[in-house]
Amino acid sequence: MKDALIIFVRNPELGKVKTRLAATVGAEQALTIHCNFIKHYKKHASEVAADKFVYYYTTIPDNDIRNEH
């Protein structure tokens, strides 16, 4: 059996991510935090010796974390 890292990601859309947090800090700041989490996942996932799978809530964005450099 191979090891796998599976990451489920909500698409980074203004007003649709971190909504409970947005109630306090605002939708734009919540989106920034969400995008920073995605960068964090990417950084640490690259250190894991496993097959990696990223699943988005709706569609795969053009700037998918697997395609960023």
PDB file of N, CA and C in Angstrom:
ATOM      1  N   MET A   1       0.845  -1.181   0.000  1.00  0.00           N
ATOM      2  CA  MET A   1       0.000   0.000   0.000  1.00  0.00           C
ATOM      3  C   MET A   1       0.887   1.239   0.000  1.00  0.00           C
ATOM      4  N   LYS A   2       0.577   2.189  -0.883  1.00  0.00           N
ATOM      5  CA  LYS A   2       1.301   3.449  -0.945  1.00  0.00           C
ATOM      6  C   LYS A   2       0.708   4.439   0.053  1.00  0.00           C
ATOM      7  N   ASP A   3       1.551   5.366   0.489  1.00  0.00           N
ATOM      8  CA  ASP A   3       1.063   6.456   1.334  1.00  0.00           C
ATOM      9  C   ASP A   3       0.480   7.536   0.435  1.00  0.00           C
ATOM     10  N   ALA A   4      -0.550   8.201   0.928  1.00  0.00           N
ATOM     11  CA  ALA A   4      -1.177   9.283   0.175  1.00  0.00           C
ATOM     12  C   ALA A   4      -1.527  10.427   1.114  1.00  0.00           C
ATOM     13  N   LEU A   5      -1.369  11.622   0.599  1.00  0.00           N
ATOM     14  CA  LEU A   5      -1.795  12.824   1.302  1.00  0.00           C
ATOM     15  C   LEU A   5      -2.929  13.409   0.475  1.00  0.00           C
ATOM     16  N   ILE A   6      -4.102  13.535   1.072  1.00  0.00           N
ATOM     17  CA  ILE A   6      -5.266  14.063   0.382  1.00  0.00           C
ATOM     18  C   ILE A   6      -5.638  15.392   1.029  1.00  0.00           C
ATOM     19  N   ILE A   7      -5.710  16.431   0.204  1.00  0.00           N
ATOM     20  CA  ILE A   7      -6.052  17.757   0.703  1.00  0.00           C
ATOM     21  C   ILE A   7      -7.363  18.185   0.050  1.00  0.00           C
ATOM     22  N   PHE A   8      -8.342  18.541   0.858  1.00  0.00           N
ATOM     23  CA  PHE A   8      -9.612  19.067   0.381  1.00  0.00           C
ATOM     24  C   PHE A   8      -9.568  20.582   0.558  1.00  0.00           C
ATOM     25  N   VAL A   9      -9.817  21.315  -0.520  1.00  0.00           N
ATOM     26  CA  VAL A   9      -9.667  22.766  -0.507  1.00  0.00           C
ATOM     27  C   VAL A   9     -10.950  23.426  -1.019  1.00  0.00           C
ATOM     28  N   ARG A  10     -11.421  24.381  -0.280  1.00  0.00           N
ATOM     29  CA  ARG A  10     -12.540  25.196  -0.771  1.00  0.00           C
ATOM     30  C   ARG A  10     -11.939  26.213  -1.739  1.00  0.00           C
ATOM     31  N   ASN A  11     -12.608  26.447  -2.841  1.00  0.00           N
ATOM     32  CA  ASN A  11     -12.103  27.398  -3.826  1.00  0.00           C
ATOM     33  C   ASN A  11     -11.989  28.783  -3.197  1.00  0.00           C
ATOM     34  N   PRO A  12     -10.884  29.484  -3.467  1.00  0.00           N
ATOM     35  CA  PRO A  12     -10.682  30.809  -2.870  1.00  0.00           C
ATOM     36  C   PRO A  12     -11.548  31.865  -3.557  1.00  0.00           C
ATOM     37  N   GLU A  13     -12.762  32.050  -3.034  1.00  0.00           N
ATOM     38  CA  GLU A  13     -13.701  33.023  -3.582  1.00  0.00           C
ATOM     39  C   GLU A  13     -14.148  33.972  -2.481  1.00  0.00           C
ATOM     40  N   LEU A  14     -14.100  35.241  -2.790  1.00  0.00           N
ATOM     41  CA  LEU A  14     -14.482  36.272  -1.830  1.00  0.00           C
ATOM     42  C   LEU A  14     -15.896  36.028  -1.328  1.00  0.00           C
ATOM     43  N   GLY A  15     -16.052  36.010  -0.023  1.00  0.00           N
ATOM     44  CA  GLY A  15     -17.361  35.828   0.594  1.00  0.00           C
ATOM     45  C   GLY A  15     -17.785  34.376   0.758  1.00  0.00           C
ATOM     46  N   LYS A  16     -16.957  33.436   0.277  1.00  0.00           N
ATOM     47  CA  LYS A  16     -17.330  32.025   0.356  1.00  0.00           C
ATOM     48  C   LYS A  16     -16.356  31.186   1.165  1.00  0.00           C
ATOM     49  N   VAL A  17     -15.355  31.821   1.743  1.00  0.00           N
ATOM     50  CA  VAL A  17     -14.380  31.079   2.549  1.00  0.00           C
ATOM     51  C   VAL A  17     -14.251  31.713   3.924  1.00  0.00           C
ATOM     52  N   LYS A  18     -13.988  30.875   4.904  1.00  0.00           N
ATOM     53  CA  LYS A  18     -13.786  31.344   6.280  1.00  0.00           C
ATOM     54  C   LYS A  18     -14.883  32.321   6.697  1.00  0.00           C
ATOM     55  N   THR A  19     -16.132  31.921   6.458  1.00  0.00           N
ATOM     56  CA  THR A  19     -17.253  32.837   6.676  1.00  0.00           C
ATOM     57  C   THR A  19     -17.449  33.212   8.147  1.00  0.00           C
ATOM     58  N   ARG A  20     -17.204  32.289   9.050  1.00  0.00           N
ATOM     59  CA  ARG A  20     -17.343  32.644  10.478  1.00  0.00           C
ATOM     60  C   ARG A  20     -16.267  33.645  10.878  1.00  0.00           C
ATOM     61  N   LEU A  21     -15.065  33.460  10.360  1.00  0.00           N
ATOM     62  CA  LEU A  21     -13.983  34.404  10.621  1.00  0.00           C
ATOM     63  C   LEU A  21     -14.286  35.746   9.952  1.00  0.00           C
ATOM     64  N   ALA A  22     -14.851  35.702   8.757  1.00  0.00           N
ATOM     65  CA  ALA A  22     -15.180  36.928   8.022  1.00  0.00           C
ATOM     66  C   ALA A  22     -16.154  37.812   8.777  1.00  0.00           C
ATOM     67  N   ALA A  23     -16.989  37.215   9.598  1.00  0.00           N
ATOM     68  CA  ALA A  23     -17.928  38.002  10.388  1.00  0.00           C
ATOM     69  C   ALA A  23     -17.202  38.965  11.319  1.00  0.00           C
ATOM     70  N   THR A  24     -15.973  38.609  11.676  1.00  0.00           N
ATOM     71  CA  THR A  24     -15.179  39.450  12.573  1.00  0.00           C
ATOM     72  C   THR A  24     -14.174  40.324  11.823  1.00  0.00           C
ATOM     73  N   VAL A  25     -13.463  39.721  10.858  1.00  0.00           N
ATOM     74  CA  VAL A  25     -12.357  40.440  10.201  1.00  0.00           C
ATOM     75  C   VAL A  25     -12.705  40.964   8.813  1.00  0.00           C
ATOM     76  N   GLY A  26     -13.841  40.587   8.272  1.00  0.00           N
ATOM     77  CA  GLY A  26     -14.235  41.005   6.931  1.00  0.00           C
ATOM     78  C   GLY A  26     -13.901  39.948   5.889  1.00  0.00           C
ATOM     79  N   ALA A  27     -14.641  39.973   4.800  1.00  0.00           N
ATOM     80  CA  ALA A  27     -14.508  38.954   3.758  1.00  0.00           C
ATOM     81  C   ALA A  27     -13.144  38.992   3.068  1.00  0.00           C
ATOM     82  N   GLU A  28     -12.615  40.184   2.816  1.00  0.00           N
ATOM     83  CA  GLU A  28     -11.318  40.272   2.135  1.00  0.00           C
ATOM     84  C   GLU A  28     -10.202  39.694   2.991  1.00  0.00           C
ATOM     85  N   GLN A  29     -10.198  40.020   4.276  1.00  0.00           N
ATOM     86  CA  GLN A  29      -9.161  39.485   5.169  1.00  0.00           C
ATOM     87  C   GLN A  29      -9.322  37.968   5.313  1.00  0.00           C
ATOM     88  N   ALA A  30     -10.554  37.492   5.370  1.00  0.00           N
ATOM     89  CA  ALA A  30     -10.794  36.050   5.460  1.00  0.00           C
ATOM     90  C   ALA A  30     -10.273  35.342   4.210  1.00  0.00           C
ATOM     91  N   LEU A  31     -10.455  35.944   3.049  1.00  0.00           N
ATOM     92  CA  LEU A  31      -9.932  35.360   1.808  1.00  0.00           C
ATOM     93  C   LEU A  31      -8.409  35.329   1.834  1.00  0.00           C
ATOM     94  N   THR A  32      -7.795  36.389   2.318  1.00  0.00           N
ATOM     95  CA  THR A  32      -6.328  36.426   2.433  1.00  0.00           C
ATOM     96  C   THR A  32      -5.841  35.312   3.352  1.00  0.00           C
ATOM     97  N   ILE A  33      -6.504  35.127   4.469  1.00  0.00           N
ATOM     98  CA  ILE A  33      -6.137  34.060   5.407  1.00  0.00           C
ATOM     99  C   ILE A  33      -6.287  32.699   4.746  1.00  0.00           C
ATOM    100  N   HIS A  34      -7.383  32.498   4.043  1.00  0.00           N
ATOM    101  CA  HIS A  34      -7.612  31.227   3.345  1.00  0.00           C
ATOM    102  C   HIS A  34      -6.493  30.959   2.334  1.00  0.00           C
ATOM    103  N   CYS A  35      -6.131  31.964   1.548  1.00  0.00           N
ATOM    104  CA  CYS A  35      -5.059  31.797   0.562  1.00  0.00           C
ATOM    105  C   CYS A  35      -3.725  31.509   1.244  1.00  0.00           C
ATOM    106  N   ASN A  36      -3.486  32.117   2.387  1.00  0.00           N
ATOM    107  CA  ASN A  36      -2.258  31.827   3.141  1.00  0.00           C
ATOM    108  C   ASN A  36      -2.257  30.390   3.650  1.00  0.00           C
ATOM    109  N   PHE A  37      -3.413  29.887   4.060  1.00  0.00           N
ATOM    110  CA  PHE A  37      -3.506  28.478   4.458  1.00  0.00           C
ATOM    111  C   PHE A  37      -3.159  27.566   3.290  1.00  0.00           C
ATOM    112  N   ILE A  38      -3.652  27.905   2.088  1.00  0.00           N
ATOM    113  CA  ILE A  38      -3.357  27.087   0.917  1.00  0.00           C
ATOM    114  C   ILE A  38      -1.849  27.066   0.656  1.00  0.00           C
ATOM    115  N   LYS A  39      -1.191  28.219   0.767  1.00  0.00           N
ATOM    116  CA  LYS A  39       0.275  28.281   0.599  1.00  0.00           C
ATOM    117  C   LYS A  39       0.961  27.436   1.657  1.00  0.00           C
ATOM    118  N   HIS A  40       0.448  27.482   2.877  1.00  0.00           N
ATOM    119  CA  HIS A  40       1.000  26.690   3.978  1.00  0.00           C
ATOM    120  C   HIS A  40       0.873  25.195   3.674  1.00  0.00           C
ATOM    121  N   TYR A  41      -0.311  24.773   3.207  1.00  0.00           N
ATOM    122  CA  TYR A  41      -0.517  23.368   2.855  1.00  0.00           C
ATOM    123  C   TYR A  41       0.476  22.941   1.794  1.00  0.00           C
ATOM    124  N   LYS A  42       0.653  23.787   0.768  1.00  0.00           N
ATOM    125  CA  LYS A  42       1.552  23.446  -0.337  1.00  0.00           C
ATOM    126  C   LYS A  42       2.985  23.277   0.171  1.00  0.00           C
ATOM    127  N   LYS A  43       3.431  24.214   0.991  1.00  0.00           N
ATOM    128  CA  LYS A  43       4.806  24.158   1.507  1.00  0.00           C
ATOM    129  C   LYS A  43       5.037  22.862   2.276  1.00  0.00           C
ATOM    130  N   HIS A  44       4.142  22.538   3.169  1.00  0.00           N
ATOM    131  CA  HIS A  44       4.347  21.365   4.012  1.00  0.00           C
ATOM    132  C   HIS A  44       4.039  20.062   3.285  1.00  0.00           C
ATOM    133  N   ALA A  45       3.141  20.104   2.329  1.00  0.00           N
ATOM    134  CA  ALA A  45       2.852  18.893   1.551  1.00  0.00           C
ATOM    135  C   ALA A  45       4.063  18.483   0.731  1.00  0.00           C
ATOM    136  N   SER A  46       4.836  19.459   0.275  1.00  0.00           N
ATOM    137  CA  SER A  46       6.017  19.131  -0.531  1.00  0.00           C
ATOM    138  C   SER A  46       7.051  18.363   0.285  1.00  0.00           C
ATOM    139  N   GLU A  47       6.963  18.436   1.598  1.00  0.00           N
ATOM    140  CA  GLU A  47       7.908  17.745   2.480  1.00  0.00           C
ATOM    141  C   GLU A  47       7.467  16.317   2.816  1.00  0.00           C
ATOM    142  N   VAL A  48       6.273  15.949   2.392  1.00  0.00           N
ATOM    143  CA  VAL A  48       5.724  14.633   2.711  1.00  0.00           C
ATOM    144  C   VAL A  48       6.037  13.651   1.590  1.00  0.00           C
ATOM    145  N   ALA A  49       6.577  12.503   1.967  1.00  0.00           N
ATOM    146  CA  ALA A  49       6.891  11.462   0.986  1.00  0.00           C
ATOM    147  C   ALA A  49       5.655  10.596   0.771  1.00  0.00           C
ATOM    148  N   ALA A  50       4.786  11.057  -0.119  1.00  0.00           N
ATOM    149  CA  ALA A  50       3.549  10.336  -0.407  1.00  0.00           C
ATOM    150  C   ALA A  50       2.980  10.858  -1.713  1.00  0.00           C
ATOM    151  N   ASP A  51       2.094  10.080  -2.315  1.00  0.00           N
ATOM    152  CA  ASP A  51       1.344  10.592  -3.458  1.00  0.00           C
ATOM    153  C   ASP A  51       0.406  11.674  -2.930  1.00  0.00           C
ATOM    154  N   LYS A  52       0.289  12.754  -3.696  1.00  0.00           N
ATOM    155  CA  LYS A  52      -0.521  13.881  -3.233  1.00  0.00           C
ATOM    156  C   LYS A  52      -1.727  14.085  -4.149  1.00  0.00           C
ATOM    157  N   PHE A  53      -2.865  14.334  -3.521  1.00  0.00           N
ATOM    158  CA  PHE A  53      -4.109  14.577  -4.243  1.00  0.00           C
ATOM    159  C   PHE A  53      -4.767  15.811  -3.647  1.00  0.00           C
ATOM    160  N   VAL A  54      -5.173  16.739  -4.517  1.00  0.00           N
ATOM    161  CA  VAL A  54      -5.854  17.953  -4.080  1.00  0.00           C
ATOM    162  C   VAL A  54      -7.239  17.943  -4.704  1.00  0.00           C
ATOM    163  N   TYR A  55      -8.254  18.080  -3.875  1.00  0.00           N
ATOM    164  CA  TYR A  55      -9.638  18.092  -4.341  1.00  0.00           C
ATOM    165  C   TYR A  55     -10.265  19.425  -3.971  1.00  0.00           C
ATOM    166  N   TYR A  56     -10.773  20.122  -4.978  1.00  0.00           N
ATOM    167  CA  TYR A  56     -11.415  21.413  -4.775  1.00  0.00           C
ATOM    168  C   TYR A  56     -12.913  21.242  -4.612  1.00  0.00           C
ATOM    169  N   TYR A  57     -13.517  22.205  -3.946  1.00  0.00           N
ATOM    170  CA  TYR A  57     -14.950  22.174  -3.660  1.00  0.00           C
ATOM    171  C   TYR A  57     -15.782  22.240  -4.941  1.00  0.00           C
ATOM    172  N   THR A  58     -15.383  23.104  -5.866  1.00  0.00           N
ATOM    173  CA  THR A  58     -16.156  23.224  -7.108  1.00  0.00           C
ATOM    174  C   THR A  58     -15.294  22.908  -8.326  1.00  0.00           C
ATOM    175  N   THR A  59     -14.426  23.812  -8.725  1.00  0.00           N
ATOM    176  CA  THR A  59     -13.604  23.616  -9.919  1.00  0.00           C
ATOM    177  C   THR A  59     -12.131  23.792  -9.586  1.00  0.00           C
ATOM    178  N   ILE A  60     -11.276  23.275 -10.452  1.00  0.00           N
ATOM    179  CA  ILE A  60      -9.830  23.455 -10.272  1.00  0.00           C
ATOM    180  C   ILE A  60      -9.458  24.812 -10.863  1.00  0.00           C
ATOM    181  N   PRO A  61      -8.943  25.718 -10.037  1.00  0.00           N
ATOM    182  CA  PRO A  61      -8.590  27.048 -10.539  1.00  0.00           C
ATOM    183  C   PRO A  61      -7.330  27.006 -11.406  1.00  0.00           C
ATOM    184  N   ASP A  62      -7.181  28.019 -12.258  1.00  0.00           N
ATOM    185  CA  ASP A  62      -5.991  28.109 -13.102  1.00  0.00           C
ATOM    186  C   ASP A  62      -4.718  28.166 -12.278  1.00  0.00           C
ATOM    187  N   ASN A  63      -4.781  28.804 -11.112  1.00  0.00           N
ATOM    188  CA  ASN A  63      -3.608  28.927 -10.244  1.00  0.00           C
ATOM    189  C   ASN A  63      -3.610  27.845  -9.159  1.00  0.00           C
ATOM    190  N   ASP A  64      -3.980  26.652  -9.551  1.00  0.00           N
ATOM    191  CA  ASP A  64      -4.026  25.508  -8.640  1.00  0.00           C
ATOM    192  C   ASP A  64      -2.695  25.375  -7.900  1.00  0.00           C
ATOM    193  N   ILE A  65      -2.741  25.005  -6.627  1.00  0.00           N
ATOM    194  CA  ILE A  65      -1.516  24.922  -5.830  1.00  0.00           C
ATOM    195  C   ILE A  65      -0.524  23.909  -6.385  1.00  0.00           C
ATOM    196  N   ARG A  66      -0.979  22.999  -7.205  1.00  0.00           N
ATOM    197  CA  ARG A  66      -0.052  22.040  -7.813  1.00  0.00           C
ATOM    198  C   ARG A  66       0.703  22.663  -8.965  1.00  0.00           C
ATOM    199  N   ASN A  67       0.213  23.780  -9.521  1.00  0.00           N
ATOM    200  CA  ASN A  67       0.839  24.417 -10.678  1.00  0.00           C
ATOM    201  C   ASN A  67       1.677  25.633 -10.316  1.00  0.00           C
ATOM    202  N   GLU A  68       1.561  26.123  -9.095  1.00  0.00           N
ATOM    203  CA  GLU A  68       2.332  27.306  -8.695  1.00  0.00           C
ATOM    204  C   GLU A  68       3.787  26.914  -8.487  1.00  0.00           C
ATOM    205  N   HIS A  69       4.666  27.879  -8.700  1.00  0.00           N
ATOM    206  CA  HIS A  69       6.105  27.629  -8.489  1.00  0.00           C
ATOM    207  C   HIS A  69       6.628  28.450  -7.357  1.00  0.00           C
TER     208      HIS A  69
END
